[in-house]
Amino acid sequence: MTTLSPEKDLQTALKALFEAQRQHAPLVAQTTADERIGKLKRMQAYIMDHLEDIQQAMFNDFRKPGAEALIGEVYSLNGELKHTIRHLRQWMKPQRVPTSLALVGTTSYIRHEPKGNVLIIAPWNYPFALCIKPLISAVAAGNVAILKPSEMTPHTAAEVRKMIETLFPREEAAVVEGDAAVSQQLLELPFNHIFFTGSPAVGKVVMAAAARHLASVTLELGGKSPCIVDRTADLKATAEKVAWGKCINNGQTCIAPDYLLIHQSVKEAFMEQYGRVIKNMYDAEGKGVETSDSYARIVNARHFQRIKSLLDEAVRGGATITLGGRTRAEDNFIEPTVVENVTDSMRIMQEEIFGPVLPVVTYRSNEEVVKLINSREKPLALYINSRDEASIRYFLEHTTAGDTIINDLLLQFTNPELPFGGVNNSGIGKSNGFFGFQEFSNARGVMRRQFGTMKFIYPPYTEKVRKLIGYLVRYV
């Protein structure tokens, strides 16, 4: 669907689309597991048949390397599709639950039914995966959907639109393109569920809009995800993982390690390894990282300037760049950069960086680490690099995060058996596999009386009835 103007025409068109989907939603809700699986298989086949187009679109948007488009976007989608296709029949079956002795004569079960009209607002950093992945869950749960891809990645948005228009009638799934004003118009509509991926600031706007219609929400947000490296960590292997996790997609990943918490005794050795890894990954021939075809760019000039201002302000405040630091505005290039001697008062330690800049903070004790992490909003991800089981257990037991990985990075997004999502400021709700299916479903409790009655507790409350009620309260 093309962008419409003036505003009144847009409003009318969006309402008409929404109403068409609302009228069609009951039919989609009645689809069988086989019918939904058929849709998912067609999605899977389309993606595999258009791999080159998908890669090219993201390269055109922000020079995302084809390999990163495949591993960061298509791989996770294919895994999600395979898992959902394999398990959907079981998820859709009524789930029997136990019945207490007091309710003898009844049976109880849970049936998952679609929420109805859903809105998916996708971000620009993984513009294909984060648009299609929630749609997989929405389709599996039997919903109708409107997708709003990011206007910051227009080539990928066009690919998403082409895919959806090929596979679905508009009354079942449709794409609406446009800027923030279009999102605001969509948020005025009485959706049953809204799935938003983006910043905590915009997440609050989405949640406020949803509250007007008492719509449920899934908010996949972000924040400052810490990466701990203790003195027992394998420094070479950890440096490789941190460099990959920080620089893939040019650091524009919601679960990227935002800052490093490293034991002071191993900081120098780790930094030496980290610099070597960065060179091997992006500048092995010594021609400069900017010449690497494995290194993406910041998505646009506004975000480039935002990250550069964080870096410049930190340096003015006394921080030291110990690796990288070069930038080039004409193509939104920021070199992999390490910043040391940072303080909590600096914006670079307050705001999510969303770029290839890594602040480093040293510590002496595990208690220091926990105190620093817990002084901030709960992170979307927490990474622990250690070979000491006592330390790993301590960090897990004394912190909270959406997900945690021990001795690796970023992989939580690709495991459909794990719930993916944040806590409070870093997100509300979970996705991946059954958790995504559940998010787009209403878990409807059903109880059925097979025999017997509860009339022995009905009024009038004679002494005999009161004794029976007292017995139930105490013993059953």
Protein backbone atom coordinates (compact mmCIF):
# COMPACT_ATOMS: atom_id res chain seq x y z
CA MET A 1 0.00 0.00 0.00
CA THR A 2 1.45 3.33 -0.99
CA THR A 3 1.75 6.29 1.34
CA LEU A 4 -1.32 8.50 1.19
CA SER A 5 -1.87 12.21 1.73
CA PRO A 6 -3.32 14.53 2.76
CA GLU A 7 -3.84 13.38 6.32
CA LYS A 8 -7.59 12.98 5.96
CA ASP A 9 -7.20 10.64 2.98
CA LEU A 10 -4.64 8.62 4.91
CA GLN A 11 -6.95 8.35 7.88
CA THR A 12 -9.84 7.21 5.69
CA ALA A 13 -7.70 4.64 3.87
CA LEU A 14 -6.27 3.19 7.08
CA LYS A 15 -9.71 2.92 8.66
CA ALA A 16 -11.01 1.16 5.55
CA LEU A 17 -8.10 -1.31 5.60
CA PHE A 18 -8.53 -1.92 9.31
CA GLU A 19 -12.28 -2.48 8.92
CA ALA A 20 -11.75 -4.89 6.02
CA GLN A 21 -9.40 -6.91 8.18
CA ARG A 22 -11.75 -6.79 11.16
CA GLN A 23 -14.57 -8.19 9.01
CA HIS A 24 -12.26 -10.94 7.76
CA ALA A 25 -10.71 -11.82 11.14
CA PRO A 26 -13.40 -14.36 12.21
CA LEU A 27 -12.73 -16.41 9.06
CA VAL A 28 -8.98 -16.40 9.66
CA ALA A 29 -9.56 -17.37 13.30
CA GLN A 30 -11.32 -20.54 12.13
CA THR A 31 -8.43 -21.73 9.97
CA THR A 32 -7.03 -25.16 10.76
CA ALA A 33 -3.46 -26.02 11.68
CA ASP A 34 -2.91 -27.37 8.16
CA GLU A 35 -4.14 -24.12 6.60
CA ARG A 36 -1.87 -22.00 8.79
CA ILE A 37 1.08 -24.30 8.17
CA GLY A 38 0.42 -23.90 4.45
CA LYS A 39 0.77 -20.13 4.80
CA LEU A 40 3.99 -20.50 6.77
CA LYS A 41 5.44 -22.84 4.16
CA ARG A 42 4.64 -20.34 1.42
CA MET A 43 6.40 -17.64 3.45
CA GLN A 44 9.42 -19.89 3.82
CA ALA A 45 9.52 -20.72 0.10
CA TYR A 46 9.19 -17.04 -0.85
CA ILE A 47 12.11 -16.02 1.36
CA MET A 48 14.37 -18.76 0.02
CA ASP A 49 13.42 -17.86 -3.56
CA HIS A 50 14.23 -14.16 -3.05
CA LEU A 51 17.47 -14.29 -1.07
CA GLU A 52 19.38 -12.10 -3.52
CA ASP A 53 16.66 -9.44 -3.57
CA ILE A 54 16.52 -9.37 0.25
CA GLN A 55 20.31 -9.05 0.55
CA GLN A 56 20.49 -6.34 -2.09
CA ALA A 57 17.74 -4.31 -0.45
CA MET A 58 19.60 -4.17 2.86
CA PHE A 59 22.88 -3.37 1.15
CA ASN A 60 21.16 -0.49 -0.62
CA ASP A 61 19.72 0.76 2.68
CA PHE A 62 22.92 0.79 4.79
CA ARG A 63 25.58 -1.30 3.07
CA LYS A 64 24.71 -4.33 5.13
CA PRO A 65 26.97 -7.19 3.94
CA GLY A 66 25.08 -10.03 2.26
CA ALA A 67 26.51 -12.55 4.71
CA GLU A 68 25.16 -10.52 7.65
CA ALA A 69 21.75 -10.29 6.00
CA LEU A 70 21.71 -14.07 5.70
CA ILE A 71 22.97 -14.92 9.17
CA GLY A 72 21.32 -12.05 11.06
CA GLU A 73 17.96 -12.01 9.29
CA VAL A 74 17.22 -15.03 7.10
CA TYR A 75 18.75 -17.69 9.34
CA SER A 76 16.64 -16.72 12.35
CA LEU A 77 13.49 -16.50 10.19
CA ASN A 78 14.07 -19.90 8.63
CA GLY A 79 14.66 -21.41 12.06
CA GLU A 80 11.50 -19.81 13.41
CA LEU A 81 9.46 -21.04 10.44
CA LYS A 82 10.77 -24.61 10.71
CA HIS A 83 10.10 -24.72 14.45
CA THR A 84 6.60 -23.27 14.14
CA ILE A 85 5.64 -25.56 11.26
CA ARG A 86 6.86 -28.56 13.25
CA HIS A 87 5.01 -27.71 16.47
CA LEU A 88 1.93 -25.71 15.49
CA ARG A 89 -0.52 -28.61 15.55
CA GLN A 90 0.46 -29.37 19.13
CA TRP A 91 0.26 -25.70 20.18
CA MET A 92 -3.25 -25.39 18.78
CA LYS A 93 -4.60 -28.43 20.61
CA PRO A 94 -6.57 -27.79 23.82
CA GLN A 95 -4.24 -28.22 26.79
CA ARG A 96 -5.74 -30.24 29.63
CA VAL A 97 -5.00 -28.90 33.12
CA PRO A 98 -5.52 -30.60 36.52
CA THR A 99 -8.71 -30.13 38.53
CA SER A 100 -8.72 -29.78 42.31
CA LEU A 101 -10.68 -32.13 44.57
CA ALA A 102 -13.15 -29.35 45.40
CA LEU A 103 -14.12 -29.22 41.74
CA VAL A 104 -14.64 -32.96 41.33
CA GLY A 105 -16.98 -33.66 38.44
CA THR A 106 -15.41 -31.01 36.19
CA THR A 107 -12.66 -31.00 33.59
CA SER A 108 -10.58 -28.00 32.59
CA TYR A 109 -8.46 -27.06 29.63
CA ILE A 110 -6.86 -24.08 27.87
CA ARG A 111 -7.52 -23.23 24.26
CA HIS A 112 -5.42 -20.66 22.46
CA GLU A 113 -7.51 -18.40 20.27
CA PRO A 114 -6.31 -15.49 18.10
CA LYS A 115 -6.45 -11.99 19.50
CA GLY A 116 -7.80 -10.66 16.20
CA ASN A 117 -6.53 -7.47 14.56
CA VAL A 118 -2.82 -6.99 15.20
CA LEU A 119 -0.37 -4.23 14.31
CA ILE A 120 3.34 -4.92 13.83
CA ILE A 121 5.62 -1.87 13.89
CA ALA A 122 9.12 -2.89 12.83
CA PRO A 123 12.49 -1.13 13.27
CA TRP A 124 15.20 -0.31 10.76
CA ASN A 125 18.18 -2.18 12.21
CA TYR A 126 17.03 -5.67 11.19
CA PRO A 127 14.35 -4.42 8.83
CA PHE A 128 13.36 -7.74 7.28
CA ALA A 129 13.61 -10.19 10.19
CA LEU A 130 11.97 -7.93 12.75
CA CYS A 131 9.03 -7.32 10.43
CA ILE A 132 8.48 -10.93 9.34
CA LYS A 133 9.32 -12.79 12.55
CA PRO A 134 6.37 -11.42 14.55
CA LEU A 135 4.18 -12.02 11.50
CA ILE A 136 5.09 -15.72 11.69
CA SER A 137 3.69 -15.84 15.22
CA ALA A 138 0.63 -13.78 14.24
CA VAL A 139 -0.16 -16.09 11.32
CA ALA A 140 0.42 -19.20 13.44
CA ALA A 141 -2.02 -17.88 16.04
CA GLY A 142 -4.67 -17.10 13.40
CA ASN A 143 -4.69 -13.31 13.35
CA VAL A 144 -5.03 -10.67 10.66
CA ALA A 145 -2.20 -8.14 10.56
CA ILE A 146 -1.07 -4.74 9.38
CA LEU A 147 2.71 -4.33 9.12
CA LYS A 148 4.45 -0.97 9.34
CA PRO A 149 8.10 -1.32 8.22
CA SER A 150 10.60 1.43 8.95
CA GLU A 151 10.82 4.34 6.54
CA MET A 152 14.56 4.54 7.28
CA THR A 153 15.16 1.39 5.22
CA PRO A 154 12.94 1.99 2.19
CA HIS A 155 14.44 -0.68 -0.07
CA THR A 156 13.81 -3.39 2.50
CA ALA A 157 10.33 -2.02 3.22
CA ALA A 158 9.55 -2.38 -0.49
CA GLU A 159 10.72 -6.01 -0.39
CA VAL A 160 8.50 -6.68 2.62
CA ARG A 161 5.53 -5.12 0.84
CA LYS A 162 6.19 -7.18 -2.30
CA MET A 163 6.33 -10.38 -0.23
CA ILE A 164 3.12 -9.70 1.69
CA GLU A 165 1.18 -8.62 -1.40
CA THR A 166 2.29 -11.80 -3.16
CA LEU A 167 1.34 -14.17 -0.34
CA PHE A 168 -1.71 -12.66 1.36
CA PRO A 169 -4.97 -10.94 0.45
CA ARG A 170 -4.97 -7.41 1.90
CA GLU A 171 -7.83 -8.23 4.28
CA GLU A 172 -5.55 -10.80 5.93
CA ALA A 173 -2.14 -9.13 5.91
CA ALA A 174 -1.11 -5.76 4.49
CA VAL A 175 1.86 -3.41 4.55
CA VAL A 176 1.51 0.31 5.22
CA GLU A 177 4.58 2.39 4.41
CA GLY A 178 5.33 5.89 5.65
CA ASP A 179 6.94 7.94 8.38
CA ALA A 180 6.16 8.45 12.07
CA ALA A 181 2.94 10.29 11.18
CA VAL A 182 1.63 7.08 9.59
CA SER A 183 2.49 5.12 12.74
CA GLN A 184 0.61 7.68 14.81
CA GLN A 185 -2.46 7.29 12.60
CA LEU A 186 -2.28 3.51 12.90
CA LEU A 187 -2.03 3.76 16.67
CA GLU A 188 -5.37 5.57 16.72
CA LEU A 189 -7.10 2.41 15.49
CA PRO A 190 -8.55 -0.11 17.99
CA PHE A 191 -6.17 -3.01 17.41
CA ASN A 192 -6.44 -6.04 19.69
CA HIS A 193 -2.67 -6.39 19.97
CA ILE A 194 0.34 -4.27 19.03
CA PHE A 195 3.84 -5.68 18.53
CA PHE A 196 6.46 -2.92 18.55
CA THR A 197 10.22 -3.15 18.24
CA GLY A 198 12.24 -0.01 18.90
CA SER A 199 13.44 2.34 21.62
CA PRO A 200 12.04 2.57 25.16
CA ALA A 201 11.05 6.21 24.51
CA VAL A 202 8.84 5.30 21.55
CA GLY A 203 7.69 2.16 23.35
CA LYS A 204 6.08 4.37 25.98
CA VAL A 205 4.20 6.24 23.24
CA VAL A 206 2.97 2.95 21.77
CA MET A 207 1.88 1.67 25.17
CA ALA A 208 -0.01 4.90 25.91
CA ALA A 209 -1.83 4.62 22.57
CA ALA A 210 -2.66 0.97 23.22
CA ALA A 211 -4.06 1.88 26.63
CA ARG A 212 -6.75 4.01 25.00
CA HIS A 213 -8.23 0.81 23.55
CA LEU A 214 -6.99 -1.52 26.30
CA ALA A 215 -5.01 -3.36 23.64
CA SER A 216 -2.32 -5.77 24.77
CA VAL A 217 1.24 -5.04 23.70
CA THR A 218 4.53 -6.74 23.04
CA LEU A 219 7.36 -4.22 23.34
CA GLU A 220 10.80 -5.36 22.24
CA LEU A 221 12.98 -2.45 23.32
CA GLY A 222 16.63 -2.24 24.27
CA GLY A 223 18.90 -0.33 26.58
CA LYS A 224 22.43 -0.74 27.81
CA SER A 225 23.24 -4.45 27.80
CA PRO A 226 26.39 -5.13 29.86
CA CYS A 227 29.09 -7.62 28.93
CA ILE A 228 31.09 -9.00 31.87
CA VAL A 229 34.60 -10.38 31.37
CA ASP A 230 36.07 -11.79 34.57
CA ARG A 231 39.67 -12.79 35.25
CA THR A 232 39.00 -16.47 34.44
CA ALA A 233 37.59 -15.84 30.95
CA ASP A 234 39.29 -17.20 27.85
CA LEU A 235 40.50 -13.80 26.63
CA LYS A 236 41.20 -14.69 23.01
CA ALA A 237 37.86 -16.44 22.47
CA THR A 238 35.99 -13.73 24.38
CA ALA A 239 37.63 -10.95 22.37
CA GLU A 240 36.48 -12.64 19.16
CA LYS A 241 32.92 -12.99 20.40
CA VAL A 242 32.71 -9.44 21.75
CA ALA A 243 34.15 -7.96 18.55
CA TRP A 244 31.63 -9.89 16.45
CA GLY A 245 28.70 -9.09 18.76
CA LYS A 246 29.60 -5.40 18.91
CA CYS A 247 30.38 -4.80 15.24
CA ILE A 248 27.91 -6.99 13.35
CA ASN A 249 25.39 -4.70 11.65
CA ASN A 250 27.76 -1.87 12.65
CA GLY A 251 26.66 -2.23 16.27
CA GLN A 252 23.03 -1.49 15.43
CA THR A 253 21.66 -4.48 17.33
CA CYS A 254 19.35 -4.21 20.33
CA ILE A 255 21.14 -7.11 22.05
CA ALA A 256 24.65 -5.94 21.19
CA PRO A 257 27.04 -5.61 24.16
CA ASP A 258 26.64 -1.93 24.99
CA TYR A 259 29.53 -1.61 27.41
CA LEU A 260 32.25 -3.86 28.82
CA LEU A 261 32.72 -4.62 32.52
CA ILE A 262 36.15 -6.21 32.78
CA HIS A 263 38.27 -7.26 35.74
CA GLN A 264 41.15 -4.82 36.01
CA SER A 265 43.74 -7.62 36.13
CA VAL A 266 42.96 -8.77 32.57
CA LYS A 267 41.96 -5.50 30.92
CA GLU A 268 45.25 -4.82 29.13
CA ALA A 269 45.59 -8.38 27.85
CA PHE A 270 41.99 -8.38 26.63
CA MET A 271 42.35 -5.04 24.85
CA GLU A 272 45.43 -6.32 23.01
CA GLN A 273 43.43 -9.34 21.83
CA TYR A 274 40.42 -7.18 20.91
CA GLY A 275 42.50 -4.86 18.73
CA ARG A 276 44.06 -7.83 16.95
CA VAL A 277 40.63 -9.40 16.31
CA ILE A 278 39.17 -6.16 14.91
CA LYS A 279 42.11 -5.86 12.51
CA ASN A 280 41.75 -9.49 11.36
CA MET A 281 38.01 -9.09 10.83
CA TYR A 282 37.90 -5.74 9.07
CA ASP A 283 41.40 -4.56 8.11
CA ALA A 284 43.59 -7.60 7.50
CA GLU A 285 45.28 -5.94 4.50
CA GLY A 286 45.89 -2.65 6.30
CA LYS A 287 43.85 -0.57 3.86
CA GLY A 288 41.46 0.75 6.51
CA VAL A 289 38.20 -0.60 7.92
CA GLU A 290 36.25 1.68 5.56
CA THR A 291 37.40 -0.47 2.61
CA SER A 292 36.07 -3.70 4.12
CA ASP A 293 33.11 -5.32 2.38
CA SER A 294 32.28 -7.03 5.69
CA TYR A 295 31.49 -3.80 7.54
CA ALA A 296 28.08 -2.11 7.39
CA ARG A 297 27.33 1.60 7.89
CA ILE A 298 25.25 3.62 10.32
CA VAL A 299 21.77 3.81 8.83
CA ASN A 300 21.61 7.58 8.23
CA ALA A 301 23.21 10.95 8.99
CA ARG A 302 21.04 11.63 12.05
CA HIS A 303 22.10 8.44 13.80
CA PHE A 304 25.71 8.95 12.72
CA GLN A 305 25.74 12.40 14.34
CA ARG A 306 24.07 11.06 17.48
CA ILE A 307 26.77 8.42 18.02
CA LYS A 308 29.57 10.81 17.11
CA SER A 309 28.25 13.35 19.62
CA LEU A 310 28.29 10.68 22.37
CA LEU A 311 31.91 9.93 21.53
CA ASP A 312 32.97 13.58 21.25
CA GLU A 313 31.30 14.53 24.52
CA ALA A 314 32.97 11.63 26.34
CA VAL A 315 36.40 12.70 25.08
CA ARG A 316 35.79 16.28 26.12
CA GLY A 317 34.86 14.97 29.57
CA GLY A 318 38.15 13.10 29.99
CA ALA A 319 37.51 9.73 28.32
CA THR A 320 40.25 8.23 26.16
CA ILE A 321 39.91 6.57 22.77
CA THR A 322 42.30 3.60 22.86
CA LEU A 323 41.23 1.94 19.62
CA GLY A 324 39.74 3.34 16.41
CA GLY A 325 37.81 6.59 16.67
CA ARG A 326 37.88 7.61 13.00
CA THR A 327 34.60 8.73 11.44
CA ARG A 328 33.52 9.83 7.98
CA ALA A 329 30.24 11.71 7.64
CA GLU A 330 29.86 11.37 3.88
CA ASP A 331 29.03 7.66 4.15
CA ASN A 332 28.04 7.45 7.86
CA PHE A 333 31.21 5.51 8.70
CA ILE A 334 32.33 4.97 12.29
CA GLU A 335 35.36 2.81 12.92
CA PRO A 336 35.24 0.08 15.61
CA THR A 337 36.14 2.15 18.67
CA VAL A 338 37.09 1.51 22.29
CA VAL A 339 36.63 4.26 24.89
CA GLU A 340 38.22 4.03 28.35
CA ASN A 341 38.16 6.25 31.45
CA VAL A 342 34.41 6.80 31.06
CA THR A 343 32.23 7.98 33.95
CA ASP A 344 28.56 7.45 34.77
CA SER A 345 27.84 11.13 34.19
CA MET A 346 28.72 10.86 30.50
CA ARG A 347 25.88 10.36 28.01
CA ILE A 348 27.81 7.47 26.49
CA MET A 349 27.18 5.59 29.75
CA GLN A 350 23.56 6.70 30.03
CA GLU A 351 22.15 6.21 26.54
CA GLU A 352 22.06 3.09 24.39
CA ILE A 353 24.89 3.54 21.90
CA PHE A 354 23.60 1.48 18.97
CA GLY A 355 26.88 1.68 17.13
CA PRO A 356 30.41 0.17 17.04
CA VAL A 357 31.66 2.16 20.06
CA LEU A 358 32.59 0.12 23.15
CA PRO A 359 33.02 1.88 26.52
CA VAL A 360 35.20 -0.08 28.95
CA VAL A 361 34.75 -0.06 32.72
CA THR A 362 37.11 -1.97 35.03
CA TYR A 363 36.13 -3.59 38.31
CA ARG A 364 37.79 -5.30 41.26
CA SER A 365 35.00 -7.39 42.78
CA ASN A 366 31.83 -9.14 41.66
CA GLU A 367 29.89 -6.97 44.09
CA GLU A 368 30.99 -3.87 42.14
CA VAL A 369 29.63 -5.40 38.94
CA VAL A 370 26.24 -6.21 40.45
CA LYS A 371 25.94 -2.76 42.03
CA LEU A 372 26.66 -1.02 38.73
CA ILE A 373 24.27 -3.19 36.69
CA ASN A 374 21.49 -2.87 39.25
CA SER A 375 21.86 0.91 39.38
CA ARG A 376 20.57 1.05 35.79
CA GLU A 377 17.37 -0.02 34.06
CA LYS A 378 17.03 -3.80 33.63
CA PRO A 379 18.87 -4.74 30.43
CA LEU A 380 17.55 -6.65 27.45
CA ALA A 381 20.63 -8.88 27.52
CA LEU A 382 23.39 -9.68 30.00
CA TYR A 383 26.56 -11.43 28.85
CA ILE A 384 28.80 -13.29 31.30
CA ASN A 385 32.25 -14.43 30.17
CA SER A 386 33.78 -16.60 32.84
CA ARG A 387 35.04 -20.10 33.65
CA ASP A 388 34.29 -19.71 37.35
CA GLU A 389 30.94 -21.36 38.18
CA ALA A 390 30.64 -19.50 41.49
CA SER A 391 30.94 -16.13 39.74
CA ILE A 392 28.50 -17.13 37.01
CA ARG A 393 25.97 -18.21 39.63
CA TYR A 394 26.49 -15.00 41.61
CA PHE A 395 25.87 -12.78 38.58
CA LEU A 396 22.75 -14.74 37.62
CA GLU A 397 21.31 -14.70 41.13
CA HIS A 398 21.92 -11.00 41.83
CA THR A 399 20.86 -9.39 38.53
CA THR A 400 17.83 -9.37 36.23
CA ALA A 401 17.85 -9.30 32.44
CA GLY A 402 15.60 -10.26 29.55
CA ASP A 403 18.04 -12.99 28.51
CA THR A 404 21.54 -14.03 29.53
CA ILE A 405 24.25 -15.81 27.59
CA ILE A 406 27.28 -17.34 29.24
CA ASN A 407 30.46 -17.41 27.16
CA ASP A 408 28.86 -16.28 23.91
CA LEU A 409 26.85 -13.38 22.45
CA LEU A 410 23.64 -12.68 20.48
CA LEU A 411 22.59 -16.31 20.02
CA GLN A 412 19.48 -16.05 22.21
CA PHE A 413 17.51 -14.53 19.34
CA THR A 414 18.01 -17.62 17.18
CA ASN A 415 16.81 -20.30 19.63
CA PRO A 416 13.02 -20.71 19.23
CA GLU A 417 12.90 -22.76 22.43
CA LEU A 418 13.92 -19.71 24.52
CA PRO A 419 11.67 -16.73 25.28
CA PHE A 420 13.14 -13.56 23.81
CA GLY A 421 12.30 -10.15 25.26
CA GLY A 422 13.11 -7.62 27.92
CA VAL A 423 12.09 -6.61 31.42
CA ASN A 424 10.29 -3.31 32.11
CA ASN A 425 12.34 -0.60 30.38
CA SER A 426 13.93 -3.13 28.04
CA GLY A 427 10.64 -4.68 27.00
CA ILE A 428 7.30 -6.26 27.83
CA GLY A 429 6.25 -9.68 26.58
CA LYS A 430 8.22 -12.42 24.85
CA SER A 431 8.70 -13.76 21.35
CA ASN A 432 10.31 -16.84 19.74
CA GLY A 433 8.55 -20.13 19.07
CA PHE A 434 5.66 -20.98 21.36
CA PHE A 435 6.25 -17.77 23.33
CA GLY A 436 5.50 -15.74 20.20
CA PHE A 437 2.44 -17.86 19.40
CA GLN A 438 1.26 -17.32 22.98
CA GLU A 439 1.84 -13.57 22.70
CA PHE A 440 -0.57 -13.29 19.77
CA SER A 441 -3.13 -15.60 21.40
CA ASN A 442 -5.71 -15.34 24.12
CA ALA A 443 -5.27 -18.26 26.51
CA ARG A 444 -8.92 -19.04 27.07
CA GLY A 445 -9.69 -21.15 30.13
CA VAL A 446 -12.55 -23.61 29.68
CA MET A 447 -14.19 -25.65 32.45
CA ARG A 448 -16.87 -28.26 31.84
CA ARG A 449 -19.16 -29.90 34.41
CA GLN A 450 -19.32 -33.63 33.67
CA PHE A 451 -21.31 -34.75 36.70
CA GLY A 452 -22.23 -33.65 40.22
CA THR A 453 -23.01 -30.19 41.55
CA MET A 454 -21.84 -27.52 43.99
CA LYS A 455 -25.32 -26.78 45.30
CA PHE A 456 -24.38 -28.07 48.74
CA ILE A 457 -22.72 -24.67 49.34
CA TYR A 458 -25.64 -22.59 48.03
CA PRO A 459 -27.76 -20.44 50.39
CA PRO A 460 -29.45 -20.54 52.77
CA TYR A 461 -26.31 -20.82 54.90
CA THR A 462 -27.56 -23.22 57.50
CA GLU A 463 -25.24 -24.59 60.15
CA LYS A 464 -24.72 -27.70 58.01
CA VAL A 465 -23.76 -25.59 54.96
CA ARG A 466 -21.40 -23.45 57.03
CA LYS A 467 -19.67 -26.59 58.34
CA LEU A 468 -19.26 -27.91 54.79
CA ILE A 469 -17.77 -24.61 53.64
CA GLY A 470 -15.46 -24.61 56.66
CA TYR A 471 -14.34 -28.13 55.79
CA LEU A 472 -13.61 -27.10 52.18
CA VAL A 473 -11.58 -24.10 53.31
CA ARG A 474 -9.51 -26.10 55.79
CA TYR A 475 -8.96 -29.46 54.14
CA VAL A 476 -9.69 -29.43 50.41
